[in-house]
Amino acid sequence: NNMPKDGDENGSAADVLKKGDEWR
């Protein structure tokens, strides 16, 4: 679940992790 959606380009690993959690 490491898809570059929103926040990945921002450079926020925490944001990406949070998004992955929401995608669950």
C-alpha atoms as a PDB file:
ATOM      1  CA  ASN A   1       0.000   0.000   0.000  1.00  0.00           C
ATOM      2  CA  ASN A   2       2.724   2.484  -0.927  1.00  0.00           C
ATOM      3  CA  MET A   3       1.028   4.208  -3.828  1.00  0.00           C
ATOM      4  CA  PRO A   4       2.158   7.755  -4.607  1.00  0.00           C
ATOM      5  CA  LYS A   5      -1.137   9.556  -4.126  1.00  0.00           C
ATOM      6  CA  ASP A   6      -1.366  12.806  -2.171  1.00  0.00           C
ATOM      7  CA  GLY A   7       1.512  13.733   0.079  1.00  0.00           C
ATOM      8  CA  ASP A   8       4.111  11.454  -1.474  1.00  0.00           C
ATOM      9  CA  GLU A   9       5.320  14.274  -3.713  1.00  0.00           C
ATOM     10  CA  ASN A  10       5.203  16.584  -0.710  1.00  0.00           C
ATOM     11  CA  GLY A  11       7.897  14.494   0.937  1.00  0.00           C
ATOM     12  CA  SER A  12       5.886  13.468   3.989  1.00  0.00           C
ATOM     13  CA  ALA A  13       6.516   9.861   4.943  1.00  0.00           C
ATOM     14  CA  ALA A  14       4.095  10.258   7.857  1.00  0.00           C
ATOM     15  CA  ASP A  15       1.447  11.528   5.456  1.00  0.00           C
ATOM     16  CA  VAL A  16       1.967   8.586   3.130  1.00  0.00           C
ATOM     17  CA  LEU A  17       1.760   6.166   6.043  1.00  0.00           C
ATOM     18  CA  LYS A  18      -1.415   7.834   7.250  1.00  0.00           C
ATOM     19  CA  LYS A  19      -2.901   7.650   3.771  1.00  0.00           C
ATOM     20  CA  GLY A  20      -2.024   3.966   3.539  1.00  0.00           C
ATOM     21  CA  ASP A  21      -3.800   3.413   6.843  1.00  0.00           C
ATOM     22  CA  GLU A  22      -6.875   5.205   5.529  1.00  0.00           C
ATOM     23  CA  TRP A  23      -6.775   3.134   2.338  1.00  0.00           C
ATOM     24  CA  ARG A  24      -6.964  -0.061   4.398  1.00  0.00           C
END
